[in-house]
Amino acid sequence: MIGLFFTDGSRKDKSKLLIIASFEDSIAVNVLENKISRLDARLKLAEHYYSLKDLHSYEKELLALSEEFPIDNKILDEASVKLINAHQYNYVGNILERSYKIIPNVFNTKWLGIMNLSNNNYNSAIKYLEESKSLFARDSQVLFNLSGAYMKANNYNLAYQNIINCLAVDPNYSNAQEVKNQLEKFMENNRKKFYGKEKNATLVLFSIVPHSNINNFCFRNIFKNF
């Protein structure tokens, strides 16, 4: 928070002695006069930065706030929801990690998993998504993305198990039936190749393509003959 300057050395009647040059200064005056707490001041300042679309300062203020005060996850997770809904993913990661450091929960583990998956960090994605699943096993979004992470890690059995679980939770989940069908085709082709019943099997690989909205991923087939 930006510091304030007194016009003389006295601290009497602070509002008259202070030169208020900015919104930050006005917040600091309220703190000095005990009108609001430092926690509320930092929250107001963070929201001010968000209203100005200064997301770097918004992120910085929230992280500073979480260092200064023993807060729970709620403030950080609410900020993450706001940034995710606004598709401002570049500013979410550090806030999610700080929330996770306070205490892992269904929300921060899920989104750290999805963020890592979108950045092709498959092992980290699996770690966080599995942790999220252990906290709540019936989130179809977690199961769908976990299937994608296992596919990218070439663990097709676990990919298949998770897409089956996703469909059990939500039979109409977008693209889930297509992924299931193609995993079944891939595993059948590999089984035939292994037993020598088919010489020219077709391997179906999957690449994960983030939508403009990172909430879900669509799957694109890449066919490779061998």
C-alpha atoms as a PDB file:
ATOM      1  CA  MET A   1       0.000   0.000   0.000  1.00  0.00           C
ATOM      2  CA  ILE A   2       1.388   3.431  -0.902  1.00  0.00           C
ATOM      3  CA  GLY A   3       2.619   5.487   2.067  1.00  0.00           C
ATOM      4  CA  LEU A   4       1.266   8.910   3.035  1.00  0.00           C
ATOM      5  CA  PHE A   5       3.141  12.101   3.839  1.00  0.00           C
ATOM      6  CA  PHE A   6       2.392  14.476   6.697  1.00  0.00           C
ATOM      7  CA  THR A   7       2.699  18.214   6.122  1.00  0.00           C
ATOM      8  CA  ASP A   8       4.397  18.546   9.507  1.00  0.00           C
ATOM      9  CA  GLY A   9       5.638  16.300  12.259  1.00  0.00           C
ATOM     10  CA  SER A  10       2.398  16.236  14.199  1.00  0.00           C
ATOM     11  CA  ARG A  11      -0.002  13.288  14.082  1.00  0.00           C
ATOM     12  CA  LYS A  12      -2.953  15.329  15.397  1.00  0.00           C
ATOM     13  CA  ASP A  13      -6.003  15.619  13.173  1.00  0.00           C
ATOM     14  CA  LYS A  14      -4.497  13.288  10.556  1.00  0.00           C
ATOM     15  CA  SER A  15      -7.098  14.032   7.867  1.00  0.00           C
ATOM     16  CA  LYS A  16      -6.021  17.699   7.781  1.00  0.00           C
ATOM     17  CA  LEU A  17      -2.307  17.006   7.861  1.00  0.00           C
ATOM     18  CA  LEU A  18      -2.245  14.381   5.135  1.00  0.00           C
ATOM     19  CA  ILE A  19      -1.913  15.185   1.460  1.00  0.00           C
ATOM     20  CA  ILE A  20      -4.263  12.709  -0.260  1.00  0.00           C
ATOM     21  CA  ALA A  21      -2.966  12.188  -3.761  1.00  0.00           C
ATOM     22  CA  SER A  22      -4.642   8.921  -4.847  1.00  0.00           C
ATOM     23  CA  PHE A  23      -7.225   6.273  -4.078  1.00  0.00           C
ATOM     24  CA  GLU A  24      -4.472   4.328  -2.317  1.00  0.00           C
ATOM     25  CA  ASP A  25      -3.843   7.331  -0.079  1.00  0.00           C
ATOM     26  CA  SER A  26      -7.526   7.685   0.802  1.00  0.00           C
ATOM     27  CA  ILE A  27      -7.633   4.014   1.820  1.00  0.00           C
ATOM     28  CA  ALA A  28      -4.546   4.506   3.965  1.00  0.00           C
ATOM     29  CA  VAL A  29      -6.153   7.512   5.672  1.00  0.00           C
ATOM     30  CA  ASN A  30      -9.152   5.369   6.606  1.00  0.00           C
ATOM     31  CA  VAL A  31      -6.803   2.809   8.130  1.00  0.00           C
ATOM     32  CA  LEU A  32      -4.921   5.470  10.106  1.00  0.00           C
ATOM     33  CA  GLU A  33      -8.212   6.850  11.433  1.00  0.00           C
ATOM     34  CA  ASN A  34      -9.365   3.320  12.333  1.00  0.00           C
ATOM     35  CA  LYS A  35     -12.354   3.520   9.999  1.00  0.00           C
ATOM     36  CA  ILE A  36     -11.452   0.241   8.335  1.00  0.00           C
ATOM     37  CA  SER A  37      -9.074  -2.593   9.141  1.00  0.00           C
ATOM     38  CA  ARG A  38      -5.905  -3.241   7.163  1.00  0.00           C
ATOM     39  CA  LEU A  39      -7.482  -6.440   5.834  1.00  0.00           C
ATOM     40  CA  ASP A  40     -10.523  -4.577   4.522  1.00  0.00           C
ATOM     41  CA  ALA A  41      -8.240  -1.875   3.137  1.00  0.00           C
ATOM     42  CA  ARG A  42      -6.234  -4.368   1.139  1.00  0.00           C
ATOM     43  CA  LEU A  43      -9.414  -5.974  -0.154  1.00  0.00           C
ATOM     44  CA  LYS A  44     -10.765  -2.600  -1.260  1.00  0.00           C
ATOM     45  CA  LEU A  45      -7.470  -1.802  -2.936  1.00  0.00           C
ATOM     46  CA  ALA A  46      -7.463  -5.141  -4.754  1.00  0.00           C
ATOM     47  CA  GLU A  47     -11.008  -4.539  -6.005  1.00  0.00           C
ATOM     48  CA  HIS A  48      -9.976  -1.052  -7.108  1.00  0.00           C
ATOM     49  CA  TYR A  49      -7.196  -2.526  -9.231  1.00  0.00           C
ATOM     50  CA  TYR A  50      -9.605  -5.088 -10.698  1.00  0.00           C
ATOM     51  CA  SER A  51     -12.056  -2.327 -11.654  1.00  0.00           C
ATOM     52  CA  LEU A  52      -9.201  -0.588 -13.486  1.00  0.00           C
ATOM     53  CA  LYS A  53      -8.336  -3.880 -15.247  1.00  0.00           C
ATOM     54  CA  ASP A  54      -4.901  -3.681 -13.642  1.00  0.00           C
ATOM     55  CA  LEU A  55      -4.803  -7.427 -13.095  1.00  0.00           C
ATOM     56  CA  HIS A  56      -1.108  -7.564 -12.309  1.00  0.00           C
ATOM     57  CA  SER A  57      -1.643  -5.218  -9.323  1.00  0.00           C
ATOM     58  CA  TYR A  58      -4.823  -7.137  -8.411  1.00  0.00           C
ATOM     59  CA  GLU A  59      -2.894 -10.398  -8.264  1.00  0.00           C
ATOM     60  CA  LYS A  60       0.004  -8.775  -6.390  1.00  0.00           C
ATOM     61  CA  GLU A  61      -2.291  -7.224  -3.770  1.00  0.00           C
ATOM     62  CA  LEU A  62      -4.107 -10.504  -3.127  1.00  0.00           C
ATOM     63  CA  LEU A  63      -0.841 -12.388  -2.698  1.00  0.00           C
ATOM     64  CA  ALA A  64       0.470  -9.694  -0.342  1.00  0.00           C
ATOM     65  CA  LEU A  65      -2.782  -9.837   1.608  1.00  0.00           C
ATOM     66  CA  SER A  66      -2.503 -13.599   2.026  1.00  0.00           C
ATOM     67  CA  GLU A  67       1.061 -13.196   3.314  1.00  0.00           C
ATOM     68  CA  GLU A  68       0.115 -10.532   5.845  1.00  0.00           C
ATOM     69  CA  PHE A  69      -3.058 -12.081   7.247  1.00  0.00           C
ATOM     70  CA  PRO A  70      -3.899 -15.660   8.328  1.00  0.00           C
ATOM     71  CA  ILE A  71      -6.855 -15.907   5.952  1.00  0.00           C
ATOM     72  CA  ASP A  72      -8.660 -19.017   4.777  1.00  0.00           C
ATOM     73  CA  ASN A  73      -9.084 -20.020   1.123  1.00  0.00           C
ATOM     74  CA  LYS A  74     -12.336 -18.175   0.555  1.00  0.00           C
ATOM     75  CA  ILE A  75     -10.928 -14.805  -0.518  1.00  0.00           C
ATOM     76  CA  LEU A  76      -8.358 -16.324  -2.864  1.00  0.00           C
ATOM     77  CA  ASP A  77     -10.762 -18.861  -4.348  1.00  0.00           C
ATOM     78  CA  GLU A  78     -13.387 -16.186  -4.993  1.00  0.00           C
ATOM     79  CA  ALA A  79     -10.723 -14.116  -6.774  1.00  0.00           C
ATOM     80  CA  SER A  80      -9.744 -17.146  -8.857  1.00  0.00           C
ATOM     81  CA  VAL A  81     -13.376 -17.729  -9.882  1.00  0.00           C
ATOM     82  CA  LYS A  82     -13.615 -14.097 -10.977  1.00  0.00           C
ATOM     83  CA  LEU A  83     -10.453 -14.355 -13.099  1.00  0.00           C
ATOM     84  CA  ILE A  84     -11.422 -17.728 -14.591  1.00  0.00           C
ATOM     85  CA  ASN A  85     -14.872 -16.464 -15.565  1.00  0.00           C
ATOM     86  CA  ALA A  86     -13.206 -13.476 -17.218  1.00  0.00           C
ATOM     87  CA  HIS A  87     -10.813 -15.850 -19.086  1.00  0.00           C
ATOM     88  CA  GLN A  88      -7.823 -14.150 -17.429  1.00  0.00           C
ATOM     89  CA  TYR A  89      -5.901 -17.380 -16.906  1.00  0.00           C
ATOM     90  CA  ASN A  90      -2.425 -15.817 -16.800  1.00  0.00           C
ATOM     91  CA  TYR A  91      -3.227 -14.320 -13.401  1.00  0.00           C
ATOM     92  CA  VAL A  92      -4.846 -17.355 -11.793  1.00  0.00           C
ATOM     93  CA  GLY A  93      -1.972 -19.783 -11.232  1.00  0.00           C
ATOM     94  CA  ASN A  94      -0.155 -17.997  -8.392  1.00  0.00           C
ATOM     95  CA  ILE A  95      -3.404 -17.307  -6.548  1.00  0.00           C
ATOM     96  CA  LEU A  96      -4.451 -20.954  -6.832  1.00  0.00           C
ATOM     97  CA  GLU A  97      -1.046 -22.096  -5.603  1.00  0.00           C
ATOM     98  CA  ARG A  98      -1.258 -19.777  -2.601  1.00  0.00           C
ATOM     99  CA  SER A  99      -4.748 -21.102  -1.819  1.00  0.00           C
ATOM    100  CA  TYR A 100      -3.435 -24.674  -2.119  1.00  0.00           C
ATOM    101  CA  LYS A 101      -0.575 -23.798   0.237  1.00  0.00           C
ATOM    102  CA  ILE A 102      -3.082 -22.617   2.861  1.00  0.00           C
ATOM    103  CA  ILE A 103      -5.096 -25.836   2.544  1.00  0.00           C
ATOM    104  CA  PRO A 104      -5.880 -28.066  -0.469  1.00  0.00           C
ATOM    105  CA  ASN A 105      -9.554 -28.132  -1.372  1.00  0.00           C
ATOM    106  CA  VAL A 106     -11.780 -29.378  -4.192  1.00  0.00           C
ATOM    107  CA  PHE A 107     -11.584 -26.066  -6.046  1.00  0.00           C
ATOM    108  CA  ASN A 108      -7.864 -25.269  -5.991  1.00  0.00           C
ATOM    109  CA  THR A 109      -6.773 -28.847  -6.716  1.00  0.00           C
ATOM    110  CA  LYS A 110      -9.194 -29.089  -9.643  1.00  0.00           C
ATOM    111  CA  TRP A 111      -8.083 -25.849 -11.252  1.00  0.00           C
ATOM    112  CA  LEU A 112      -4.396 -26.385 -10.639  1.00  0.00           C
ATOM    113  CA  GLY A 113      -4.871 -29.703 -12.431  1.00  0.00           C
ATOM    114  CA  ILE A 114      -6.687 -28.114 -15.361  1.00  0.00           C
ATOM    115  CA  MET A 115      -4.148 -25.283 -15.604  1.00  0.00           C
ATOM    116  CA  ASN A 116      -1.251 -27.755 -15.624  1.00  0.00           C
ATOM    117  CA  LEU A 117      -2.987 -29.888 -18.225  1.00  0.00           C
ATOM    118  CA  SER A 118      -3.483 -26.853 -20.468  1.00  0.00           C
ATOM    119  CA  ASN A 119       0.275 -26.183 -20.168  1.00  0.00           C
ATOM    120  CA  ASN A 120       1.132 -29.805 -21.020  1.00  0.00           C
ATOM    121  CA  ASN A 121       2.414 -30.547 -17.498  1.00  0.00           C
ATOM    122  CA  TYR A 122       0.723 -33.939 -17.420  1.00  0.00           C
ATOM    123  CA  ASN A 123       2.314 -35.373 -14.276  1.00  0.00           C
ATOM    124  CA  SER A 124       1.414 -32.289 -12.232  1.00  0.00           C
ATOM    125  CA  ALA A 125      -2.069 -32.302 -13.758  1.00  0.00           C
ATOM    126  CA  ILE A 126      -2.572 -35.911 -12.694  1.00  0.00           C
ATOM    127  CA  LYS A 127      -1.311 -35.148  -9.172  1.00  0.00           C
ATOM    128  CA  TYR A 128      -3.741 -32.280  -8.622  1.00  0.00           C
ATOM    129  CA  LEU A 129      -6.718 -33.877 -10.380  1.00  0.00           C
ATOM    130  CA  GLU A 130      -6.309 -37.118  -8.445  1.00  0.00           C
ATOM    131  CA  GLU A 131      -6.183 -35.094  -5.237  1.00  0.00           C
ATOM    132  CA  SER A 132      -9.343 -33.261  -6.255  1.00  0.00           C
ATOM    133  CA  LYS A 133     -11.028 -36.578  -7.058  1.00  0.00           C
ATOM    134  CA  SER A 134     -10.058 -37.910  -3.622  1.00  0.00           C
ATOM    135  CA  LEU A 135     -11.884 -34.948  -2.056  1.00  0.00           C
ATOM    136  CA  PHE A 136     -14.968 -35.297  -4.278  1.00  0.00           C
ATOM    137  CA  ALA A 137     -15.210 -38.282  -6.609  1.00  0.00           C
ATOM    138  CA  ARG A 138     -18.251 -37.200  -8.642  1.00  0.00           C
ATOM    139  CA  ASP A 139     -17.029 -34.073 -10.442  1.00  0.00           C
ATOM    140  CA  SER A 140     -17.443 -34.937 -14.134  1.00  0.00           C
ATOM    141  CA  GLN A 141     -15.141 -32.079 -15.155  1.00  0.00           C
ATOM    142  CA  VAL A 142     -12.326 -33.458 -12.988  1.00  0.00           C
ATOM    143  CA  LEU A 143     -12.872 -36.990 -14.342  1.00  0.00           C
ATOM    144  CA  PHE A 144     -12.938 -35.807 -17.964  1.00  0.00           C
ATOM    145  CA  ASN A 145      -9.732 -33.813 -17.635  1.00  0.00           C
ATOM    146  CA  LEU A 146      -8.082 -36.593 -15.652  1.00  0.00           C
ATOM    147  CA  SER A 147      -8.846 -38.941 -18.544  1.00  0.00           C
ATOM    148  CA  GLY A 148      -7.147 -36.475 -20.885  1.00  0.00           C
ATOM    149  CA  ALA A 149      -4.108 -36.187 -18.610  1.00  0.00           C
ATOM    150  CA  TYR A 150      -3.699 -39.965 -18.475  1.00  0.00           C
ATOM    151  CA  MET A 151      -4.012 -40.180 -22.262  1.00  0.00           C
ATOM    152  CA  LYS A 152      -1.229 -37.648 -22.679  1.00  0.00           C
ATOM    153  CA  ALA A 153       0.833 -39.672 -20.194  1.00  0.00           C
ATOM    154  CA  ASN A 154       0.146 -42.817 -22.298  1.00  0.00           C
ATOM    155  CA  ASN A 155      -1.726 -44.540 -19.485  1.00  0.00           C
ATOM    156  CA  TYR A 156      -4.760 -45.587 -21.502  1.00  0.00           C
ATOM    157  CA  ASN A 157      -6.223 -47.955 -18.926  1.00  0.00           C
ATOM    158  CA  LEU A 158      -6.585 -45.173 -16.358  1.00  0.00           C
ATOM    159  CA  ALA A 159      -7.752 -42.804 -19.090  1.00  0.00           C
ATOM    160  CA  TYR A 160     -10.511 -45.250 -19.951  1.00  0.00           C
ATOM    161  CA  GLN A 161     -11.442 -45.842 -16.311  1.00  0.00           C
ATOM    162  CA  ASN A 162     -11.856 -42.104 -15.710  1.00  0.00           C
ATOM    163  CA  ILE A 163     -13.899 -41.456 -18.846  1.00  0.00           C
ATOM    164  CA  ILE A 164     -16.209 -44.308 -17.831  1.00  0.00           C
ATOM    165  CA  ASN A 165     -16.576 -42.708 -14.398  1.00  0.00           C
ATOM    166  CA  CYS A 166     -17.229 -39.324 -16.037  1.00  0.00           C
ATOM    167  CA  LEU A 167     -20.066 -40.781 -18.089  1.00  0.00           C
ATOM    168  CA  ALA A 168     -21.457 -42.539 -15.018  1.00  0.00           C
ATOM    169  CA  VAL A 169     -21.747 -39.147 -13.319  1.00  0.00           C
ATOM    170  CA  ASP A 170     -22.971 -37.293 -16.413  1.00  0.00           C
ATOM    171  CA  PRO A 171     -23.919 -39.419 -19.454  1.00  0.00           C
ATOM    172  CA  ASN A 172     -24.223 -36.270 -21.594  1.00  0.00           C
ATOM    173  CA  TYR A 173     -20.899 -34.683 -20.706  1.00  0.00           C
ATOM    174  CA  SER A 174     -19.551 -32.922 -23.800  1.00  0.00           C
ATOM    175  CA  ASN A 175     -17.188 -35.099 -25.898  1.00  0.00           C
ATOM    176  CA  ALA A 176     -16.998 -37.818 -23.210  1.00  0.00           C
ATOM    177  CA  GLN A 177     -18.791 -40.490 -25.278  1.00  0.00           C
ATOM    178  CA  GLU A 178     -16.545 -39.727 -28.254  1.00  0.00           C
ATOM    179  CA  VAL A 179     -13.443 -40.111 -26.087  1.00  0.00           C
ATOM    180  CA  LYS A 180     -14.747 -43.401 -24.683  1.00  0.00           C
ATOM    181  CA  ASN A 181     -15.428 -44.773 -28.173  1.00  0.00           C
ATOM    182  CA  GLN A 182     -12.002 -43.850 -29.460  1.00  0.00           C
ATOM    183  CA  LEU A 183     -10.221 -45.239 -26.421  1.00  0.00           C
ATOM    184  CA  GLU A 184     -12.071 -48.519 -26.923  1.00  0.00           C
ATOM    185  CA  LYS A 185     -11.019 -48.567 -30.577  1.00  0.00           C
ATOM    186  CA  PHE A 186      -7.418 -47.829 -29.639  1.00  0.00           C
ATOM    187  CA  MET A 187      -7.266 -50.566 -27.008  1.00  0.00           C
ATOM    188  CA  GLU A 188      -8.928 -53.104 -29.336  1.00  0.00           C
ATOM    189  CA  ASN A 189      -6.460 -52.328 -32.122  1.00  0.00           C
ATOM    190  CA  ASN A 190      -3.552 -52.707 -29.724  1.00  0.00           C
ATOM    191  CA  ARG A 191      -4.948 -56.010 -28.431  1.00  0.00           C
ATOM    192  CA  LYS A 192      -5.221 -57.394 -31.979  1.00  0.00           C
ATOM    193  CA  LYS A 193      -1.718 -56.225 -32.823  1.00  0.00           C
ATOM    194  CA  PHE A 194      -0.311 -57.829 -29.680  1.00  0.00           C
ATOM    195  CA  TYR A 195      -1.916 -61.183 -30.487  1.00  0.00           C
ATOM    196  CA  GLY A 196      -0.935 -60.988 -34.147  1.00  0.00           C
ATOM    197  CA  LYS A 197      -4.482 -60.810 -35.480  1.00  0.00           C
ATOM    198  CA  GLU A 198      -3.985 -57.542 -37.275  1.00  0.00           C
ATOM    199  CA  LYS A 199      -0.757 -56.423 -38.948  1.00  0.00           C
ATOM    200  CA  ASN A 200      -1.655 -52.840 -39.776  1.00  0.00           C
ATOM    201  CA  ALA A 201      -3.437 -51.536 -36.749  1.00  0.00           C
ATOM    202  CA  THR A 202      -4.174 -47.846 -36.479  1.00  0.00           C
ATOM    203  CA  LEU A 203      -3.078 -46.075 -33.338  1.00  0.00           C
ATOM    204  CA  VAL A 204      -5.419 -43.322 -32.236  1.00  0.00           C
ATOM    205  CA  LEU A 205      -3.562 -40.628 -30.354  1.00  0.00           C
ATOM    206  CA  PHE A 206      -5.240 -37.722 -28.628  1.00  0.00           C
ATOM    207  CA  SER A 207      -4.145 -34.151 -28.367  1.00  0.00           C
ATOM    208  CA  ILE A 208      -5.873 -31.813 -25.972  1.00  0.00           C
ATOM    209  CA  VAL A 209      -6.933 -28.501 -27.438  1.00  0.00           C
ATOM    210  CA  PRO A 210      -8.044 -25.844 -24.954  1.00  0.00           C
ATOM    211  CA  HIS A 211     -11.161 -23.897 -25.858  1.00  0.00           C
ATOM    212  CA  SER A 212     -11.114 -20.134 -25.382  1.00  0.00           C
ATOM    213  CA  ASN A 213     -12.879 -21.143 -22.188  1.00  0.00           C
ATOM    214  CA  ILE A 214     -10.459 -23.401 -20.367  1.00  0.00           C
ATOM    215  CA  ASN A 215     -13.205 -25.101 -18.337  1.00  0.00           C
ATOM    216  CA  ASN A 216     -13.287 -28.098 -20.669  1.00  0.00           C
ATOM    217  CA  PHE A 217     -11.109 -29.570 -23.343  1.00  0.00           C
ATOM    218  CA  CYS A 218     -12.086 -30.952 -26.697  1.00  0.00           C
ATOM    219  CA  PHE A 219     -10.244 -33.904 -28.153  1.00  0.00           C
ATOM    220  CA  ARG A 220      -8.811 -34.078 -31.654  1.00  0.00           C
ATOM    221  CA  ASN A 221      -7.763 -37.364 -33.249  1.00  0.00           C
ATOM    222  CA  ILE A 222      -4.354 -37.795 -34.756  1.00  0.00           C
ATOM    223  CA  PHE A 223      -4.067 -41.007 -36.741  1.00  0.00           C
ATOM    224  CA  LYS A 224      -0.695 -42.658 -37.116  1.00  0.00           C
ATOM    225  CA  ASN A 225      -0.185 -45.911 -38.995  1.00  0.00           C
ATOM    226  CA  PHE A 226       2.420 -48.368 -37.861  1.00  0.00           C
END
